[in-house]
């Protein structure tokens, strides 16, 4: 197998182990402290912020427009997936038109 395939497989294994490891650690506790639960609930927003912030600060017109469209779609009640798909469509279209 090529090096790329091994890297992909190793990344998949490490990702799986980190996910199952967290479940195993948390399953040992009968009750989770409210602060820990609040921190765990904040993780998705933190991950999304780390993905969006660099694009919002250094991206061009296409990136800014796609973030605006995705945000508007989400805030108007379209849901997270609708906002994501709308933003992706705008991003691809504008990158092909504007460059």
PDB file of N, CA and C in Angstrom:
ATOM      1  N   UNK A   1       0.833  -1.185   0.000  1.00  0.00           N
ATOM      2  CA  UNK A   1       0.000   0.000   0.000  1.00  0.00           C
ATOM      3  C   UNK A   1       0.871   1.239   0.000  1.00  0.00           C
ATOM      4  N   UNK A   2       0.290   2.320  -0.535  1.00  0.00           N
ATOM      5  CA  UNK A   2       1.056   3.559  -0.592  1.00  0.00           C
ATOM      6  C   UNK A   2       1.068   4.251   0.768  1.00  0.00           C
ATOM      7  N   UNK A   3       1.956   5.195   0.899  1.00  0.00           N
ATOM      8  CA  UNK A   3       2.083   5.947   2.142  1.00  0.00           C
ATOM      9  C   UNK A   3       0.798   6.711   2.454  1.00  0.00           C
ATOM     10  N   UNK A   4       0.158   7.232   1.431  1.00  0.00           N
ATOM     11  CA  UNK A   4      -1.074   7.996   1.627  1.00  0.00           C
ATOM     12  C   UNK A   4      -2.158   7.133   2.251  1.00  0.00           C
ATOM     13  N   UNK A   5      -2.296   5.915   1.790  1.00  0.00           N
ATOM     14  CA  UNK A   5      -3.314   5.009   2.327  1.00  0.00           C
ATOM     15  C   UNK A   5      -3.024   4.714   3.795  1.00  0.00           C
ATOM     16  N   UNK A   6      -1.757   4.492   4.132  1.00  0.00           N
ATOM     17  CA  UNK A   6      -1.392   4.231   5.531  1.00  0.00           C
ATOM     18  C   UNK A   6      -1.685   5.434   6.423  1.00  0.00           C
ATOM     19  N   UNK A   7      -1.435   6.631   5.907  1.00  0.00           N
ATOM     20  CA  UNK A   7      -1.725   7.838   6.680  1.00  0.00           C
ATOM     21  C   UNK A   7      -3.220   7.980   6.912  1.00  0.00           C
ATOM     22  N   UNK A   8      -4.018   7.706   5.898  1.00  0.00           N
ATOM     23  CA  UNK A   8      -5.472   7.783   6.036  1.00  0.00           C
ATOM     24  C   UNK A   8      -5.965   6.757   7.049  1.00  0.00           C
ATOM     25  N   UNK A   9      -5.458   5.538   6.963  1.00  0.00           N
ATOM     26  CA  UNK A   9      -5.866   4.491   7.903  1.00  0.00           C
ATOM     27  C   UNK A   9      -5.441   4.826   9.337  1.00  0.00           C
ATOM     28  N   UNK A  10      -4.243   5.358   9.494  1.00  0.00           N
ATOM     29  CA  UNK A  10      -3.776   5.727  10.831  1.00  0.00           C
ATOM     30  C   UNK A  10      -4.625   6.876  11.388  1.00  0.00           C
ATOM     31  N   UNK A  11      -4.955   7.840  10.555  1.00  0.00           N
ATOM     32  CA  UNK A  11      -5.813   8.943  10.995  1.00  0.00           C
ATOM     33  C   UNK A  11      -7.194   8.456  11.402  1.00  0.00           C
ATOM     34  N   UNK A  12      -7.736   7.510  10.631  1.00  0.00           N
ATOM     35  CA  UNK A  12      -9.045   6.946  10.971  1.00  0.00           C
ATOM     36  C   UNK A  12      -8.991   6.209  12.299  1.00  0.00           C
ATOM     37  N   UNK A  13      -7.936   5.440  12.513  1.00  0.00           N
ATOM     38  CA  UNK A  13      -7.792   4.693  13.768  1.00  0.00           C
ATOM     39  C   UNK A  13      -7.655   5.634  14.962  1.00  0.00           C
ATOM     40  N   UNK A  14      -6.842   6.669  14.837  1.00  0.00           N
ATOM     41  CA  UNK A  14      -6.655   7.615  15.933  1.00  0.00           C
ATOM     42  C   UNK A  14      -7.961   8.351  16.222  1.00  0.00           C
ATOM     43  N   UNK A  15      -8.687   8.732  15.187  1.00  0.00           N
ATOM     44  CA  UNK A  15      -9.975   9.395  15.381  1.00  0.00           C
ATOM     45  C   UNK A  15     -10.944   8.485  16.110  1.00  0.00           C
ATOM     46  N   UNK A  16     -10.999   7.229  15.697  1.00  0.00           N
ATOM     47  CA  UNK A  16     -11.893   6.268  16.349  1.00  0.00           C
ATOM     48  C   UNK A  16     -11.505   6.075  17.813  1.00  0.00           C
ATOM     49  N   UNK A  17     -10.222   5.934  18.075  1.00  0.00           N
ATOM     50  CA  UNK A  17      -9.768   5.714  19.450  1.00  0.00           C
ATOM     51  C   UNK A  17     -10.063   6.909  20.357  1.00  0.00           C
ATOM     52  N   UNK A  18      -9.919   8.127  19.838  1.00  0.00           N
ATOM     53  CA  UNK A  18     -10.227   9.287  20.665  1.00  0.00           C
ATOM     54  C   UNK A  18     -11.722   9.379  20.959  1.00  0.00           C
ATOM     55  N   UNK A  19     -12.540   9.021  19.998  1.00  0.00           N
ATOM     56  CA  UNK A  19     -13.992   9.070  20.231  1.00  0.00           C
ATOM     57  C   UNK A  19     -14.424   7.987  21.222  1.00  0.00           C
ATOM     58  N   UNK A  20     -13.966   6.786  21.032  1.00  0.00           N
ATOM     59  CA  UNK A  20     -14.361   5.687  21.916  1.00  0.00           C
ATOM     60  C   UNK A  20     -13.725   5.874  23.289  1.00  0.00           C
ATOM     61  N   UNK A  21     -12.523   6.463  23.328  1.00  0.00           N
ATOM     62  CA  UNK A  21     -11.865   6.713  24.604  1.00  0.00           C
ATOM     63  C   UNK A  21     -12.651   7.671  25.478  1.00  0.00           C
ATOM     64  N   UNK A  22     -13.183   8.723  24.880  1.00  0.00           N
ATOM     65  CA  UNK A  22     -14.004   9.657  25.630  1.00  0.00           C
ATOM     66  C   UNK A  22     -15.257   8.998  26.177  1.00  0.00           C
ATOM     67  N   UNK A  23     -15.890   8.162  25.372  1.00  0.00           N
ATOM     68  CA  UNK A  23     -17.078   7.432  25.830  1.00  0.00           C
ATOM     69  C   UNK A  23     -16.727   6.485  26.978  1.00  0.00           C
ATOM     70  N   UNK A  24     -15.605   5.807  26.864  1.00  0.00           N
ATOM     71  CA  UNK A  24     -15.206   4.875  27.917  1.00  0.00           C
ATOM     72  C   UNK A  24     -14.913   5.595  29.228  1.00  0.00           C
ATOM     73  N   UNK A  25     -14.240   6.732  29.147  1.00  0.00           N
ATOM     74  CA  UNK A  25     -13.930   7.484  30.361  1.00  0.00           C
ATOM     75  C   UNK A  25     -15.211   8.001  31.009  1.00  0.00           C
ATOM     76  N   UNK A  26     -16.102   8.590  30.219  1.00  0.00           N
ATOM     77  CA  UNK A  26     -17.334   9.137  30.782  1.00  0.00           C
ATOM     78  C   UNK A  26     -18.280   8.054  31.281  1.00  0.00           C
ATOM     79  N   UNK A  27     -18.221   6.860  30.721  1.00  0.00           N
ATOM     80  CA  UNK A  27     -19.124   5.796  31.163  1.00  0.00           C
ATOM     81  C   UNK A  27     -18.747   5.265  32.554  1.00  0.00           C
ATOM     82  N   UNK A  28     -17.570   5.573  33.036  1.00  0.00           N
ATOM     83  CA  UNK A  28     -17.137   5.107  34.358  1.00  0.00           C
ATOM     84  C   UNK A  28     -17.759   5.925  35.490  1.00  0.00           C
ATOM     85  N   UNK A  29     -18.327   7.076  35.139  1.00  0.00           N
ATOM     86  CA  UNK A  29     -18.932   7.947  36.143  1.00  0.00           C
ATOM     87  C   UNK A  29     -20.443   7.750  36.149  1.00  0.00           C
ATOM     88  N   UNK A  30     -21.016   7.720  37.353  1.00  0.00           N
ATOM     89  CA  UNK A  30     -22.469   7.623  37.456  1.00  0.00           C
ATOM     90  C   UNK A  30     -23.121   8.941  37.080  1.00  0.00           C
ATOM     91  N   UNK A  31     -22.501  10.025  37.518  1.00  0.00           N
ATOM     92  CA  UNK A  31     -23.064  11.343  37.269  1.00  0.00           C
ATOM     93  C   UNK A  31     -21.943  12.276  36.837  1.00  0.00           C
ATOM     94  N   UNK A  32     -22.219  13.108  35.851  1.00  0.00           N
ATOM     95  CA  UNK A  32     -21.224  14.061  35.363  1.00  0.00           C
ATOM     96  C   UNK A  32     -21.500  15.408  36.010  1.00  0.00           C
ATOM     97  N   UNK A  33     -20.458  16.050  36.484  1.00  0.00           N
ATOM     98  CA  UNK A  33     -20.589  17.365  37.101  1.00  0.00           C
ATOM     99  C   UNK A  33     -21.163  18.342  36.068  1.00  0.00           C
ATOM    100  N   UNK A  34     -22.048  19.243  36.495  1.00  0.00           N
ATOM    101  CA  UNK A  34     -22.661  20.191  35.553  1.00  0.00           C
ATOM    102  C   UNK A  34     -21.658  21.046  34.776  1.00  0.00           C
ATOM    103  N   UNK A  35     -20.542  21.370  35.394  1.00  0.00           N
ATOM    104  CA  UNK A  35     -19.531  22.158  34.677  1.00  0.00           C
ATOM    105  C   UNK A  35     -18.882  21.342  33.559  1.00  0.00           C
ATOM    106  N   UNK A  36     -18.648  20.064  33.818  1.00  0.00           N
ATOM    107  CA  UNK A  36     -18.080  19.197  32.779  1.00  0.00           C
ATOM    108  C   UNK A  36     -19.078  19.042  31.645  1.00  0.00           C
ATOM    109  N   UNK A  37     -20.344  18.859  31.993  1.00  0.00           N
ATOM    110  CA  UNK A  37     -21.375  18.731  30.964  1.00  0.00           C
ATOM    111  C   UNK A  37     -21.486  20.009  30.133  1.00  0.00           C
ATOM    112  N   UNK A  38     -21.411  21.160  30.781  1.00  0.00           N
ATOM    113  CA  UNK A  38     -21.455  22.426  30.056  1.00  0.00           C
ATOM    114  C   UNK A  38     -20.253  22.566  29.120  1.00  0.00           C
ATOM    115  N   UNK A  39     -19.095  22.148  29.587  1.00  0.00           N
ATOM    116  CA  UNK A  39     -17.896  22.211  28.748  1.00  0.00           C
ATOM    117  C   UNK A  39     -18.025  21.294  27.543  1.00  0.00           C
ATOM    118  N   UNK A  40     -18.549  20.097  27.749  1.00  0.00           N
ATOM    119  CA  UNK A  40     -18.720  19.165  26.641  1.00  0.00           C
ATOM    120  C   UNK A  40     -19.762  19.668  25.645  1.00  0.00           C
ATOM    121  N   UNK A  41     -20.781  20.339  26.142  1.00  0.00           N
ATOM    122  CA  UNK A  41     -21.791  20.902  25.248  1.00  0.00           C
ATOM    123  C   UNK A  41     -21.250  22.061  24.431  1.00  0.00           C
ATOM    124  N   UNK A  42     -20.187  22.712  24.904  1.00  0.00           N
ATOM    125  CA  UNK A  42     -19.594  23.842  24.191  1.00  0.00           C
ATOM    126  C   UNK A  42     -18.604  23.409  23.115  1.00  0.00           C
ATOM    127  N   UNK A  43     -18.219  22.157  23.089  1.00  0.00           N
ATOM    128  CA  UNK A  43     -17.201  21.695  22.139  1.00  0.00           C
ATOM    129  C   UNK A  43     -17.625  21.886  20.678  1.00  0.00           C
ATOM    130  N   UNK A  44     -18.834  21.521  20.262  1.00  0.00           N
ATOM    131  CA  UNK A  44     -19.180  21.729  18.847  1.00  0.00           C
ATOM    132  C   UNK A  44     -19.080  23.189  18.404  1.00  0.00           C
ATOM    133  N   UNK A  45     -19.519  24.116  19.243  1.00  0.00           N
ATOM    134  CA  UNK A  45     -19.423  25.532  18.891  1.00  0.00           C
ATOM    135  C   UNK A  45     -17.957  25.971  18.799  1.00  0.00           C
ATOM    136  N   UNK A  46     -17.121  25.448  19.669  1.00  0.00           N
ATOM    137  CA  UNK A  46     -15.701  25.799  19.639  1.00  0.00           C
ATOM    138  C   UNK A  46     -15.031  25.270  18.370  1.00  0.00           C
ATOM    139  N   UNK A  47     -15.376  24.062  17.982  1.00  0.00           N
ATOM    140  CA  UNK A  47     -14.799  23.482  16.762  1.00  0.00           C
ATOM    141  C   UNK A  47     -15.267  24.265  15.540  1.00  0.00           C
ATOM    142  N   UNK A  48     -16.550  24.598  15.490  1.00  0.00           N
ATOM    143  CA  UNK A  48     -17.074  25.374  14.369  1.00  0.00           C
ATOM    144  C   UNK A  48     -16.404  26.737  14.291  1.00  0.00           C
ATOM    145  N   UNK A  49     -16.166  27.356  15.426  1.00  0.00           N
ATOM    146  CA  UNK A  49     -15.501  28.655  15.453  1.00  0.00           C
ATOM    147  C   UNK A  49     -14.084  28.558  14.905  1.00  0.00           C
ATOM    148  N   UNK A  50     -13.376  27.496  15.244  1.00  0.00           N
ATOM    149  CA  UNK A  50     -12.000  27.353  14.740  1.00  0.00           C
ATOM    150  C   UNK A  50     -11.972  27.119  13.241  1.00  0.00           C
ATOM    151  N   UNK A  51     -13.058  26.611  12.681  1.00  0.00           N
ATOM    152  CA  UNK A  51     -13.117  26.423  11.230  1.00  0.00           C
ATOM    153  C   UNK A  51     -13.533  27.700  10.505  1.00  0.00           C
ATOM    154  N   UNK A  52     -14.417  28.486  11.110  1.00  0.00           N
ATOM    155  CA  UNK A  52     -14.972  29.662  10.452  1.00  0.00           C
ATOM    156  C   UNK A  52     -14.089  30.893  10.638  1.00  0.00           C
ATOM    157  N   UNK A  53     -13.490  31.074  11.790  1.00  0.00           N
ATOM    158  CA  UNK A  53     -12.743  32.297  12.094  1.00  0.00           C
ATOM    159  C   UNK A  53     -11.621  32.597  11.098  1.00  0.00           C
ATOM    160  N   UNK A  54     -10.773  31.649  10.731  1.00  0.00           N
ATOM    161  CA  UNK A  54      -9.715  31.989   9.770  1.00  0.00           C
ATOM    162  C   UNK A  54     -10.268  32.424   8.412  1.00  0.00           C
ATOM    163  N   UNK A  55     -11.326  31.779   7.972  1.00  0.00           N
ATOM    164  CA  UNK A  55     -11.929  32.146   6.688  1.00  0.00           C
ATOM    165  C   UNK A  55     -12.563  33.529   6.773  1.00  0.00           C
ATOM    166  N   UNK A  56     -13.189  33.818   7.897  1.00  0.00           N
ATOM    167  CA  UNK A  56     -13.847  35.114   8.065  1.00  0.00           C
ATOM    168  C   UNK A  56     -12.843  36.264   8.092  1.00  0.00           C
ATOM    169  N   UNK A  57     -11.646  36.006   8.579  1.00  0.00           N
ATOM    170  CA  UNK A  57     -10.660  37.078   8.707  1.00  0.00           C
ATOM    171  C   UNK A  57      -9.725  37.196   7.513  1.00  0.00           C
ATOM    172  N   UNK A  58      -9.485  36.109   6.789  1.00  0.00           N
ATOM    173  CA  UNK A  58      -8.514  36.157   5.692  1.00  0.00           C
ATOM    174  C   UNK A  58      -9.108  35.815   4.335  1.00  0.00           C
ATOM    175  N   UNK A  59     -10.365  35.409   4.287  1.00  0.00           N
ATOM    176  CA  UNK A  59     -10.973  35.005   3.022  1.00  0.00           C
ATOM    177  C   UNK A  59     -11.309  36.193   2.141  1.00  0.00           C
ATOM    178  N   UNK A  60     -11.676  35.872   0.919  1.00  0.00           N
ATOM    179  CA  UNK A  60     -12.033  36.903  -0.047  1.00  0.00           C
ATOM    180  C   UNK A  60     -13.534  37.121  -0.103  1.00  0.00           C
ATOM    181  N   UNK A  61     -13.983  37.648  -1.223  1.00  0.00           N
ATOM    182  CA  UNK A  61     -15.395  37.973  -1.423  1.00  0.00           C
ATOM    183  C   UNK A  61     -16.245  36.706  -1.408  1.00  0.00           C
ATOM    184  N   UNK A  62     -15.797  35.667  -2.062  1.00  0.00           N
ATOM    185  CA  UNK A  62     -16.575  34.426  -2.134  1.00  0.00           C
ATOM    186  C   UNK A  62     -16.769  33.820  -0.744  1.00  0.00           C
ATOM    187  N   UNK A  63     -15.727  33.822   0.053  1.00  0.00           N
ATOM    188  CA  UNK A  63     -15.810  33.251   1.392  1.00  0.00           C
ATOM    189  C   UNK A  63     -16.724  34.076   2.290  1.00  0.00           C
ATOM    190  N   UNK A  64     -16.592  35.405   2.217  1.00  0.00           N
ATOM    191  CA  UNK A  64     -17.437  36.277   3.029  1.00  0.00           C
ATOM    192  C   UNK A  64     -18.910  36.121   2.652  1.00  0.00           C
ATOM    193  N   UNK A  65     -19.196  36.065   1.360  1.00  0.00           N
ATOM    194  CA  UNK A  65     -20.578  35.903   0.910  1.00  0.00           C
ATOM    195  C   UNK A  65     -21.149  34.567   1.353  1.00  0.00           C
ATOM    196  N   UNK A  66     -20.343  33.516   1.287  1.00  0.00           N
ATOM    197  CA  UNK A  66     -20.847  32.197   1.693  1.00  0.00           C
ATOM    198  C   UNK A  66     -21.119  32.151   3.197  1.00  0.00           C
ATOM    199  N   UNK A  67     -20.292  32.817   3.998  1.00  0.00           N
ATOM    200  CA  UNK A  67     -20.542  32.869   5.440  1.00  0.00           C
ATOM    201  C   UNK A  67     -21.815  33.644   5.754  1.00  0.00           C
ATOM    202  N   UNK A  68     -22.034  34.739   5.030  1.00  0.00           N
ATOM    203  CA  UNK A  68     -23.255  35.521   5.240  1.00  0.00           C
ATOM    204  C   UNK A  68     -24.483  34.705   4.865  1.00  0.00           C
ATOM    205  N   UNK A  69     -24.443  34.054   3.703  1.00  0.00           N
ATOM    206  CA  UNK A  69     -25.576  33.248   3.255  1.00  0.00           C
ATOM    207  C   UNK A  69     -25.845  32.106   4.236  1.00  0.00           C
ATOM    208  N   UNK A  70     -24.804  31.418   4.669  1.00  0.00           N
ATOM    209  CA  UNK A  70     -24.982  30.312   5.621  1.00  0.00           C
ATOM    210  C   UNK A  70     -25.566  30.815   6.932  1.00  0.00           C
ATOM    211  N   UNK A  71     -25.089  31.948   7.417  1.00  0.00           N
ATOM    212  CA  UNK A  71     -25.610  32.511   8.660  1.00  0.00           C
ATOM    213  C   UNK A  71     -27.060  32.932   8.545  1.00  0.00           C
ATOM    214  N   UNK A  72     -27.405  33.571   7.443  1.00  0.00           N
ATOM    215  CA  UNK A  72     -28.794  34.001   7.240  1.00  0.00           C
ATOM    216  C   UNK A  72     -29.720  32.791   7.152  1.00  0.00           C
ATOM    217  N   UNK A  73     -29.297  31.772   6.418  1.00  0.00           N
ATOM    218  CA  UNK A  73     -30.136  30.572   6.279  1.00  0.00           C
ATOM    219  C   UNK A  73     -30.341  29.905   7.636  1.00  0.00           C
ATOM    220  N   UNK A  74     -29.308  29.851   8.431  1.00  0.00           N
ATOM    221  CA  UNK A  74     -29.422  29.234   9.754  1.00  0.00           C
ATOM    222  C   UNK A  74     -30.331  30.058  10.662  1.00  0.00           C
ATOM    223  N   UNK A  75     -30.128  31.362  10.681  1.00  0.00           N
ATOM    224  CA  UNK A  75     -30.909  32.222  11.569  1.00  0.00           C
ATOM    225  C   UNK A  75     -32.373  32.330  11.153  1.00  0.00           C
ATOM    226  N   UNK A  76     -32.668  32.137   9.884  1.00  0.00           N
ATOM    227  CA  UNK A  76     -34.050  32.198   9.424  1.00  0.00           C
ATOM    228  C   UNK A  76     -34.789  30.892   9.666  1.00  0.00           C
ATOM    229  N   UNK A  77     -34.171  29.961  10.339  1.00  0.00           N
ATOM    230  CA  UNK A  77     -34.846  28.724  10.719  1.00  0.00           C
ATOM    231  C   UNK A  77     -34.609  27.566   9.773  1.00  0.00           C
ATOM    232  N   UNK A  78     -33.640  27.708   8.886  1.00  0.00           N
ATOM    233  CA  UNK A  78     -33.376  26.633   7.928  1.00  0.00           C
ATOM    234  C   UNK A  78     -32.637  25.453   8.543  1.00  0.00           C
ATOM    235  N   UNK A  79     -31.993  25.671   9.658  1.00  0.00           N
ATOM    236  CA  UNK A  79     -31.235  24.596  10.291  1.00  0.00           C
ATOM    237  C   UNK A  79     -29.786  24.635   9.881  1.00  0.00           C
ATOM    238  N   UNK A  80     -28.990  23.883  10.603  1.00  0.00           N
ATOM    239  CA  UNK A  80     -27.547  23.871  10.384  1.00  0.00           C
ATOM    240  C   UNK A  80     -27.179  23.281   9.023  1.00  0.00           C
ATOM    241  N   UNK A  81     -27.815  22.181   8.646  1.00  0.00           N
ATOM    242  CA  UNK A  81     -27.469  21.540   7.374  1.00  0.00           C
ATOM    243  C   UNK A  81     -27.874  22.416   6.193  1.00  0.00           C
ATOM    244  N   UNK A  82     -29.023  23.058   6.278  1.00  0.00           N
ATOM    245  CA  UNK A  82     -29.457  23.947   5.197  1.00  0.00           C
ATOM    246  C   UNK A  82     -28.488  25.115   5.049  1.00  0.00           C
ATOM    247  N   UNK A  83     -28.084  25.694   6.160  1.00  0.00           N
ATOM    248  CA  UNK A  83     -27.117  26.778   6.115  1.00  0.00           C
ATOM    249  C   UNK A  83     -25.788  26.339   5.543  1.00  0.00           C
ATOM    250  N   UNK A  84     -25.352  25.151   5.918  1.00  0.00           N
ATOM    251  CA  UNK A  84     -24.088  24.627   5.409  1.00  0.00           C
ATOM    252  C   UNK A  84     -24.145  24.410   3.905  1.00  0.00           C
ATOM    253  N   UNK A  85     -25.212  23.777   3.438  1.00  0.00           N
ATOM    254  CA  UNK A  85     -25.340  23.485   2.003  1.00  0.00           C
ATOM    255  C   UNK A  85     -25.457  24.785   1.210  1.00  0.00           C
ATOM    256  N   UNK A  86     -26.260  25.733   1.678  1.00  0.00           N
ATOM    257  CA  UNK A  86     -26.406  27.011   0.975  1.00  0.00           C
ATOM    258  C   UNK A  86     -25.067  27.749   0.915  1.00  0.00           C
ATOM    259  N   UNK A  87     -24.338  27.772   2.021  1.00  0.00           N
ATOM    260  CA  UNK A  87     -23.031  28.419   2.027  1.00  0.00           C
ATOM    261  C   UNK A  87     -22.043  27.739   1.094  1.00  0.00           C
ATOM    262  N   UNK A  88     -22.074  26.414   1.067  1.00  0.00           N
ATOM    263  CA  UNK A  88     -21.171  25.671   0.177  1.00  0.00           C
ATOM    264  C   UNK A  88     -21.500  25.942  -1.284  1.00  0.00           C
ATOM    265  N   UNK A  89     -22.779  25.985  -1.620  1.00  0.00           N
ATOM    266  CA  UNK A  89     -23.183  26.255  -3.005  1.00  0.00           C
ATOM    267  C   UNK A  89     -22.738  27.649  -3.424  1.00  0.00           C
ATOM    268  N   UNK A  90     -22.954  28.637  -2.569  1.00  0.00           N
ATOM    269  CA  UNK A  90     -22.530  30.007  -2.874  1.00  0.00           C
ATOM    270  C   UNK A  90     -21.013  30.070  -3.013  1.00  0.00           C
ATOM    271  N   UNK A  91     -20.297  29.406  -2.131  1.00  0.00           N
ATOM    272  CA  UNK A  91     -18.833  29.418  -2.185  1.00  0.00           C
ATOM    273  C   UNK A  91     -18.319  28.826  -3.493  1.00  0.00           C
ATOM    274  N   UNK A  92     -18.836  27.668  -3.872  1.00  0.00           N
ATOM    275  CA  UNK A  92     -18.383  27.024  -5.108  1.00  0.00           C
ATOM    276  C   UNK A  92     -18.737  27.881  -6.322  1.00  0.00           C
ATOM    277  N   UNK A  93     -19.972  28.403  -6.330  1.00  0.00           N
ATOM    278  CA  UNK A  93     -20.393  29.226  -7.469  1.00  0.00           C
ATOM    279  C   UNK A  93     -19.546  30.487  -7.602  1.00  0.00           C
ATOM    280  N   UNK A  94     -19.341  31.187  -6.494  1.00  0.00           N
ATOM    281  CA  UNK A  94     -18.555  32.429  -6.577  1.00  0.00           C
ATOM    282  C   UNK A  94     -17.084  32.170  -6.863  1.00  0.00           C
ATOM    283  N   UNK A  95     -16.543  31.088  -6.355  1.00  0.00           N
ATOM    284  CA  UNK A  95     -15.133  30.791  -6.679  1.00  0.00           C
ATOM    285  C   UNK A  95     -14.971  30.499  -8.165  1.00  0.00           C
ATOM    286  N   UNK A  96     -15.997  29.897  -8.766  1.00  0.00           N
ATOM    287  CA  UNK A  96     -15.914  29.618 -10.195  1.00  0.00           C
ATOM    288  C   UNK A  96     -16.177  30.867 -11.032  1.00  0.00           C
ATOM    289  N   UNK A  97     -16.993  31.783 -10.527  1.00  0.00           N
ATOM    290  CA  UNK A  97     -17.303  32.997 -11.275  1.00  0.00           C
ATOM    291  C   UNK A  97     -16.282  34.103 -11.045  1.00  0.00           C
ATOM    292  N   UNK A  98     -15.923  34.328  -9.775  1.00  0.00           N
ATOM    293  CA  UNK A  98     -15.026  35.428  -9.428  1.00  0.00           C
ATOM    294  C   UNK A  98     -13.561  35.006  -9.502  1.00  0.00           C
ATOM    295  N   UNK A  99     -13.302  33.799  -9.059  1.00  0.00           N
ATOM    296  CA  UNK A  99     -11.936  33.298  -9.125  1.00  0.00           C
ATOM    297  C   UNK A  99     -11.202  33.260  -7.856  1.00  0.00           C
TER     298      UNK A  99
END
